Amino acid sequence: MRRIRLTWFAAGAAATLLVTLIAAQIPSPDEPKAKIAFIELTEPVVEAEELKDEHSIANATGQIARDCGAKFFQTTFLVNDHPATMELPITVENSHAAECVMREASQRGIAIRIVFRQLEEIE
């Protein structure tokens, strides 16, 4: 009689282990996504009397990224709660451009920030 109980106990433990291993292989939708670092340059302020439509986007900082050979970057518009910015992802493809952008921005006195965004914010 004792062997039968041990057999059922072992079978239950094996089934539990199997279900646990299978469940661990199924990806969870709540899994955190990887974060990517960005260099964010704030567009320099233009005097009110010189303000034109082309100053509402990140022209100067975007030009720095183009001159430095950035493979991809994003410029944002001037809105009520924040100034126009240029965002350059720090990736292998942009490594040389990132160094150049930071050097040029610091020489010109442009505000530099490093921000981290999750992948779903980027897509």
N, C-alpha and C. Protein backbone atom coordinates (compact mmCIF):
# COMPACT_ATOMS: atom_id res chain seq x y z
N MET A 1 0.81 -1.19 0.00
CA MET A 1 0.00 0.00 0.00
C MET A 1 0.87 1.27 0.00
N ARG A 2 1.97 1.23 0.67
CA ARG A 2 2.83 2.40 0.74
C ARG A 2 3.47 2.72 -0.61
N ARG A 3 3.79 1.69 -1.38
CA ARG A 3 4.40 1.92 -2.69
C ARG A 3 3.42 2.62 -3.63
N ILE A 4 2.17 2.29 -3.54
CA ILE A 4 1.17 2.93 -4.41
C ILE A 4 1.06 4.41 -4.08
N ARG A 5 1.07 4.77 -2.79
CA ARG A 5 1.03 6.18 -2.40
C ARG A 5 2.28 6.91 -2.90
N LEU A 6 3.43 6.31 -2.77
CA LEU A 6 4.66 6.94 -3.24
C LEU A 6 4.64 7.11 -4.76
N THR A 7 4.08 6.16 -5.46
CA THR A 7 4.00 6.25 -6.91
C THR A 7 3.13 7.43 -7.32
N TRP A 8 1.94 7.56 -6.68
CA TRP A 8 1.06 8.68 -6.99
C TRP A 8 1.69 10.02 -6.58
N PHE A 9 2.39 10.04 -5.47
CA PHE A 9 3.08 11.25 -5.03
C PHE A 9 4.15 11.65 -6.05
N ALA A 10 4.93 10.69 -6.53
CA ALA A 10 5.97 10.96 -7.53
C ALA A 10 5.35 11.41 -8.85
N ALA A 11 4.24 10.80 -9.24
CA ALA A 11 3.57 11.19 -10.49
C ALA A 11 3.04 12.63 -10.38
N GLY A 12 2.50 13.00 -9.25
CA GLY A 12 2.01 14.37 -9.04
C GLY A 12 3.15 15.38 -9.07
N ALA A 13 4.26 15.04 -8.45
CA ALA A 13 5.42 15.93 -8.46
C ALA A 13 5.96 16.10 -9.87
N ALA A 14 6.00 15.01 -10.64
CA ALA A 14 6.50 15.08 -12.02
C ALA A 14 5.56 15.93 -12.89
N ALA A 15 4.25 15.77 -12.69
CA ALA A 15 3.29 16.56 -13.47
C ALA A 15 3.41 18.05 -13.12
N THR A 16 3.58 18.35 -11.85
CA THR A 16 3.75 19.75 -11.43
C THR A 16 5.01 20.35 -12.03
N LEU A 17 6.09 19.59 -12.01
CA LEU A 17 7.35 20.06 -12.59
C LEU A 17 7.19 20.31 -14.09
N LEU A 18 6.53 19.42 -14.79
CA LEU A 18 6.32 19.54 -16.22
C LEU A 18 5.49 20.78 -16.56
N VAL A 19 4.40 21.00 -15.83
CA VAL A 19 3.55 22.16 -16.06
C VAL A 19 4.33 23.45 -15.78
N THR A 20 5.14 23.47 -14.72
CA THR A 20 5.94 24.65 -14.39
C THR A 20 6.94 24.96 -15.48
N LEU A 21 7.61 23.94 -16.01
CA LEU A 21 8.59 24.15 -17.08
C LEU A 21 7.93 24.66 -18.36
N ILE A 22 6.77 24.15 -18.69
CA ILE A 22 6.05 24.60 -19.88
C ILE A 22 5.59 26.05 -19.70
N ALA A 23 5.07 26.38 -18.52
CA ALA A 23 4.60 27.74 -18.26
C ALA A 23 5.75 28.75 -18.30
N ALA A 24 6.93 28.34 -17.89
CA ALA A 24 8.08 29.25 -17.90
C ALA A 24 8.52 29.58 -19.33
N GLN A 25 8.23 28.72 -20.28
CA GLN A 25 8.62 28.95 -21.67
C GLN A 25 7.67 29.88 -22.41
N ILE A 26 6.47 30.09 -21.90
CA ILE A 26 5.49 30.96 -22.54
C ILE A 26 5.79 32.40 -22.14
N PRO A 27 6.05 33.31 -23.11
CA PRO A 27 6.37 34.69 -22.75
C PRO A 27 5.18 35.42 -22.15
N SER A 28 5.44 36.23 -21.19
CA SER A 28 4.40 37.01 -20.53
C SER A 28 4.22 38.33 -21.27
N PRO A 29 2.98 38.79 -21.48
CA PRO A 29 2.77 40.07 -22.16
C PRO A 29 3.23 41.26 -21.31
N ASP A 30 3.39 41.07 -20.02
CA ASP A 30 3.79 42.16 -19.14
C ASP A 30 5.30 42.25 -18.98
N GLU A 31 6.05 41.51 -19.80
CA GLU A 31 7.51 41.52 -19.70
C GLU A 31 8.04 42.91 -20.01
N PRO A 32 8.94 43.44 -19.19
CA PRO A 32 9.46 44.78 -19.46
C PRO A 32 10.30 44.80 -20.73
N LYS A 33 10.16 45.86 -21.49
CA LYS A 33 10.92 46.02 -22.72
C LYS A 33 12.26 46.68 -22.43
N ALA A 34 13.18 46.48 -23.33
CA ALA A 34 14.51 47.07 -23.17
C ALA A 34 14.44 48.58 -23.34
N LYS A 35 15.35 49.28 -22.68
CA LYS A 35 15.42 50.73 -22.79
C LYS A 35 16.59 51.11 -23.69
N ILE A 36 16.42 52.20 -24.41
CA ILE A 36 17.46 52.72 -25.28
C ILE A 36 17.79 54.13 -24.82
N ALA A 37 19.08 54.44 -24.79
CA ALA A 37 19.52 55.78 -24.39
C ALA A 37 19.51 56.70 -25.62
N PHE A 38 19.11 57.94 -25.40
CA PHE A 38 19.09 58.97 -26.45
C PHE A 38 19.87 60.19 -25.96
N ILE A 39 20.56 60.83 -26.88
CA ILE A 39 21.12 62.15 -26.60
C ILE A 39 20.04 63.14 -27.04
N GLU A 40 19.65 64.02 -26.14
CA GLU A 40 18.63 65.01 -26.46
C GLU A 40 19.25 66.40 -26.38
N LEU A 41 19.22 67.11 -27.50
CA LEU A 41 19.72 68.48 -27.56
C LEU A 41 18.53 69.43 -27.62
N THR A 42 18.56 70.46 -26.80
CA THR A 42 17.50 71.47 -26.80
C THR A 42 17.87 72.57 -27.79
N GLU A 43 16.94 72.87 -28.66
CA GLU A 43 17.16 73.89 -29.68
C GLU A 43 17.43 75.25 -29.02
N PRO A 44 18.47 75.98 -29.48
CA PRO A 44 18.74 77.29 -28.90
C PRO A 44 17.56 78.25 -29.07
N VAL A 45 17.39 79.12 -28.10
CA VAL A 45 16.28 80.08 -28.12
C VAL A 45 16.58 81.19 -29.12
N VAL A 46 15.56 81.53 -29.90
CA VAL A 46 15.67 82.61 -30.89
C VAL A 46 14.92 83.82 -30.33
N GLU A 47 15.48 85.01 -30.51
CA GLU A 47 14.84 86.24 -30.03
C GLU A 47 13.46 86.39 -30.66
N ALA A 48 12.52 86.95 -29.92
CA ALA A 48 11.13 87.07 -30.36
C ALA A 48 11.00 87.81 -31.68
N GLU A 49 11.77 88.88 -31.88
CA GLU A 49 11.64 89.64 -33.13
C GLU A 49 12.19 88.88 -34.34
N GLU A 50 13.05 87.89 -34.10
CA GLU A 50 13.61 87.10 -35.20
C GLU A 50 12.84 85.80 -35.43
N LEU A 51 11.86 85.50 -34.59
CA LEU A 51 11.14 84.23 -34.64
C LEU A 51 10.35 84.08 -35.93
N LYS A 52 10.60 82.98 -36.64
CA LYS A 52 9.90 82.65 -37.88
C LYS A 52 9.38 81.23 -37.76
N ASP A 53 8.60 80.79 -38.73
CA ASP A 53 8.05 79.43 -38.70
C ASP A 53 9.13 78.36 -38.66
N GLU A 54 10.24 78.60 -39.36
CA GLU A 54 11.29 77.58 -39.39
C GLU A 54 11.99 77.42 -38.04
N HIS A 55 11.78 78.36 -37.12
CA HIS A 55 12.37 78.24 -35.79
C HIS A 55 11.53 77.37 -34.86
N SER A 56 10.37 76.91 -35.32
CA SER A 56 9.52 76.09 -34.47
C SER A 56 9.93 74.62 -34.48
N ILE A 57 10.91 74.27 -35.32
CA ILE A 57 11.45 72.90 -35.30
C ILE A 57 12.94 72.97 -34.99
N ALA A 58 13.51 71.86 -34.68
CA ALA A 58 14.91 71.80 -34.25
C ALA A 58 15.85 71.86 -35.45
N ASN A 59 16.00 73.02 -36.03
CA ASN A 59 16.86 73.19 -37.21
C ASN A 59 18.34 73.16 -36.87
N ALA A 60 18.75 73.95 -35.89
CA ALA A 60 20.18 74.05 -35.56
C ALA A 60 20.72 72.73 -35.03
N THR A 61 19.99 72.11 -34.13
CA THR A 61 20.45 70.83 -33.58
C THR A 61 20.35 69.71 -34.61
N GLY A 62 19.33 69.78 -35.46
CA GLY A 62 19.22 68.80 -36.55
C GLY A 62 20.37 68.92 -37.52
N GLN A 63 20.80 70.16 -37.78
CA GLN A 63 21.94 70.38 -38.68
C GLN A 63 23.22 69.81 -38.07
N ILE A 64 23.38 69.92 -36.76
CA ILE A 64 24.55 69.32 -36.10
C ILE A 64 24.56 67.82 -36.33
N ALA A 65 23.40 67.18 -36.16
CA ALA A 65 23.31 65.72 -36.37
C ALA A 65 23.64 65.35 -37.81
N ARG A 66 23.13 66.12 -38.77
CA ARG A 66 23.42 65.84 -40.18
C ARG A 66 24.91 66.03 -40.47
N ASP A 67 25.49 67.13 -39.97
CA ASP A 67 26.91 67.40 -40.20
C ASP A 67 27.80 66.33 -39.58
N CYS A 68 27.35 65.74 -38.47
CA CYS A 68 28.14 64.70 -37.79
C CYS A 68 27.92 63.31 -38.40
N GLY A 69 27.04 63.21 -39.39
CA GLY A 69 26.84 61.93 -40.07
C GLY A 69 25.94 60.96 -39.33
N ALA A 70 24.99 61.45 -38.55
CA ALA A 70 24.07 60.56 -37.83
C ALA A 70 23.26 59.74 -38.81
N LYS A 71 23.15 58.45 -38.56
CA LYS A 71 22.40 57.55 -39.44
C LYS A 71 20.90 57.80 -39.31
N PHE A 72 20.42 58.03 -38.09
CA PHE A 72 19.01 58.34 -37.87
C PHE A 72 18.88 59.13 -36.57
N PHE A 73 17.97 60.10 -36.61
CA PHE A 73 17.68 60.94 -35.46
C PHE A 73 16.28 61.50 -35.65
N GLN A 74 15.77 62.15 -34.63
CA GLN A 74 14.42 62.69 -34.71
C GLN A 74 14.43 64.11 -34.15
N THR A 75 13.74 65.02 -34.83
CA THR A 75 13.58 66.38 -34.32
C THR A 75 12.13 66.55 -33.88
N THR A 76 11.92 67.37 -32.86
CA THR A 76 10.56 67.62 -32.38
C THR A 76 10.24 69.09 -32.56
N PHE A 77 8.96 69.40 -32.48
CA PHE A 77 8.48 70.77 -32.67
C PHE A 77 8.46 71.53 -31.35
N LEU A 78 8.48 72.83 -31.47
CA LEU A 78 8.29 73.73 -30.33
C LEU A 78 6.82 73.64 -29.93
N VAL A 79 6.56 73.32 -28.66
CA VAL A 79 5.19 73.29 -28.14
C VAL A 79 5.15 74.11 -26.86
N ASN A 80 3.98 74.28 -26.32
CA ASN A 80 3.82 75.14 -25.15
C ASN A 80 4.63 74.68 -23.94
N ASP A 81 4.72 73.38 -23.72
CA ASP A 81 5.35 72.91 -22.48
C ASP A 81 6.83 72.54 -22.62
N HIS A 82 7.37 72.51 -23.81
CA HIS A 82 8.81 72.26 -23.96
C HIS A 82 9.33 72.80 -25.30
N PRO A 83 10.63 73.12 -25.32
CA PRO A 83 11.22 73.64 -26.56
C PRO A 83 11.44 72.53 -27.58
N ALA A 84 11.78 72.93 -28.79
CA ALA A 84 12.11 71.96 -29.83
C ALA A 84 13.39 71.21 -29.44
N THR A 85 13.45 69.93 -29.78
CA THR A 85 14.61 69.12 -29.44
C THR A 85 15.01 68.24 -30.61
N MET A 86 16.23 67.75 -30.55
CA MET A 86 16.73 66.74 -31.47
C MET A 86 17.12 65.54 -30.62
N GLU A 87 16.66 64.37 -31.00
CA GLU A 87 16.96 63.14 -30.26
C GLU A 87 17.75 62.19 -31.14
N LEU A 88 18.89 61.76 -30.64
CA LEU A 88 19.78 60.85 -31.37
C LEU A 88 19.93 59.58 -30.55
N PRO A 89 19.44 58.42 -31.05
CA PRO A 89 19.62 57.19 -30.29
C PRO A 89 21.09 56.80 -30.22
N ILE A 90 21.51 56.36 -29.06
CA ILE A 90 22.90 55.93 -28.89
C ILE A 90 22.96 54.45 -29.26
N THR A 91 23.37 54.20 -30.50
CA THR A 91 23.48 52.84 -31.02
C THR A 91 24.86 52.67 -31.63
N VAL A 92 25.16 51.46 -32.02
CA VAL A 92 26.45 51.18 -32.66
C VAL A 92 26.59 51.99 -33.94
N GLU A 93 25.52 52.08 -34.72
CA GLU A 93 25.56 52.81 -35.98
C GLU A 93 25.81 54.30 -35.77
N ASN A 94 25.36 54.83 -34.65
CA ASN A 94 25.48 56.26 -34.37
C ASN A 94 26.61 56.59 -33.41
N SER A 95 27.50 55.65 -33.12
CA SER A 95 28.51 55.90 -32.08
C SER A 95 29.43 57.07 -32.43
N HIS A 96 29.93 57.12 -33.64
CA HIS A 96 30.82 58.23 -34.03
C HIS A 96 30.04 59.54 -34.09
N ALA A 97 28.82 59.48 -34.60
CA ALA A 97 27.99 60.68 -34.69
C ALA A 97 27.63 61.19 -33.29
N ALA A 98 27.40 60.28 -32.36
CA ALA A 98 27.05 60.69 -30.98
C ALA A 98 28.19 61.46 -30.34
N GLU A 99 29.41 60.99 -30.53
CA GLU A 99 30.57 61.71 -29.99
C GLU A 99 30.68 63.09 -30.62
N CYS A 100 30.52 63.16 -31.92
CA CYS A 100 30.62 64.43 -32.64
C CYS A 100 29.51 65.39 -32.20
N VAL A 101 28.28 64.89 -32.07
CA VAL A 101 27.15 65.72 -31.67
C VAL A 101 27.38 66.30 -30.28
N MET A 102 27.85 65.48 -29.36
CA MET A 102 28.09 65.97 -28.00
C MET A 102 29.21 67.02 -27.98
N ARG A 103 30.24 66.79 -28.77
CA ARG A 103 31.35 67.75 -28.84
C ARG A 103 30.87 69.09 -29.42
N GLU A 104 30.15 69.03 -30.54
CA GLU A 104 29.67 70.25 -31.19
C GLU A 104 28.67 71.00 -30.31
N ALA A 105 27.78 70.27 -29.68
CA ALA A 105 26.77 70.91 -28.83
C ALA A 105 27.41 71.59 -27.63
N SER A 106 28.39 70.95 -27.03
CA SER A 106 29.06 71.56 -25.87
C SER A 106 29.86 72.80 -26.30
N GLN A 107 30.46 72.76 -27.48
CA GLN A 107 31.19 73.93 -27.97
C GLN A 107 30.27 75.11 -28.25
N ARG A 108 29.04 74.83 -28.69
CA ARG A 108 28.08 75.88 -29.01
C ARG A 108 27.21 76.28 -27.81
N GLY A 109 27.38 75.59 -26.69
CA GLY A 109 26.60 75.92 -25.49
C GLY A 109 25.15 75.45 -25.55
N ILE A 110 24.89 74.38 -26.29
CA ILE A 110 23.54 73.83 -26.43
C ILE A 110 23.31 72.82 -25.29
N ALA A 111 22.14 72.88 -24.67
CA ALA A 111 21.81 71.98 -23.56
C ALA A 111 21.76 70.53 -24.05
N ILE A 112 22.42 69.64 -23.29
CA ILE A 112 22.49 68.22 -23.63
C ILE A 112 21.90 67.42 -22.47
N ARG A 113 21.07 66.44 -22.80
CA ARG A 113 20.55 65.51 -21.80
C ARG A 113 20.64 64.10 -22.36
N ILE A 114 20.80 63.13 -21.47
CA ILE A 114 20.70 61.72 -21.85
C ILE A 114 19.37 61.23 -21.28
N VAL A 115 18.51 60.73 -22.16
CA VAL A 115 17.20 60.23 -21.73
C VAL A 115 17.10 58.76 -22.12
N PHE A 116 16.33 58.01 -21.35
CA PHE A 116 16.11 56.59 -21.62
C PHE A 116 14.64 56.38 -21.94
N ARG A 117 14.39 55.69 -23.05
CA ARG A 117 13.02 55.40 -23.46
C ARG A 117 12.88 53.91 -23.69
N GLN A 118 11.69 53.41 -23.40
CA GLN A 118 11.42 52.00 -23.67
C GLN A 118 11.04 51.85 -25.14
N LEU A 119 11.22 50.65 -25.66
CA LEU A 119 11.00 50.41 -27.08
C LEU A 119 9.60 50.76 -27.53
N GLU A 120 8.57 50.50 -26.71
CA GLU A 120 7.21 50.80 -27.15
C GLU A 120 6.99 52.28 -27.32
N GLU A 121 7.75 53.16 -26.61
CA GLU A 121 7.63 54.59 -26.79
C GLU A 121 8.19 55.02 -28.13
N ILE A 122 9.13 54.25 -28.67
CA ILE A 122 9.83 54.61 -29.90
C ILE A 122 9.00 54.21 -31.11
N GLU A 123 8.37 53.05 -31.08
CA GLU A 123 7.67 52.51 -32.24
C GLU A 123 6.47 53.30 -32.62
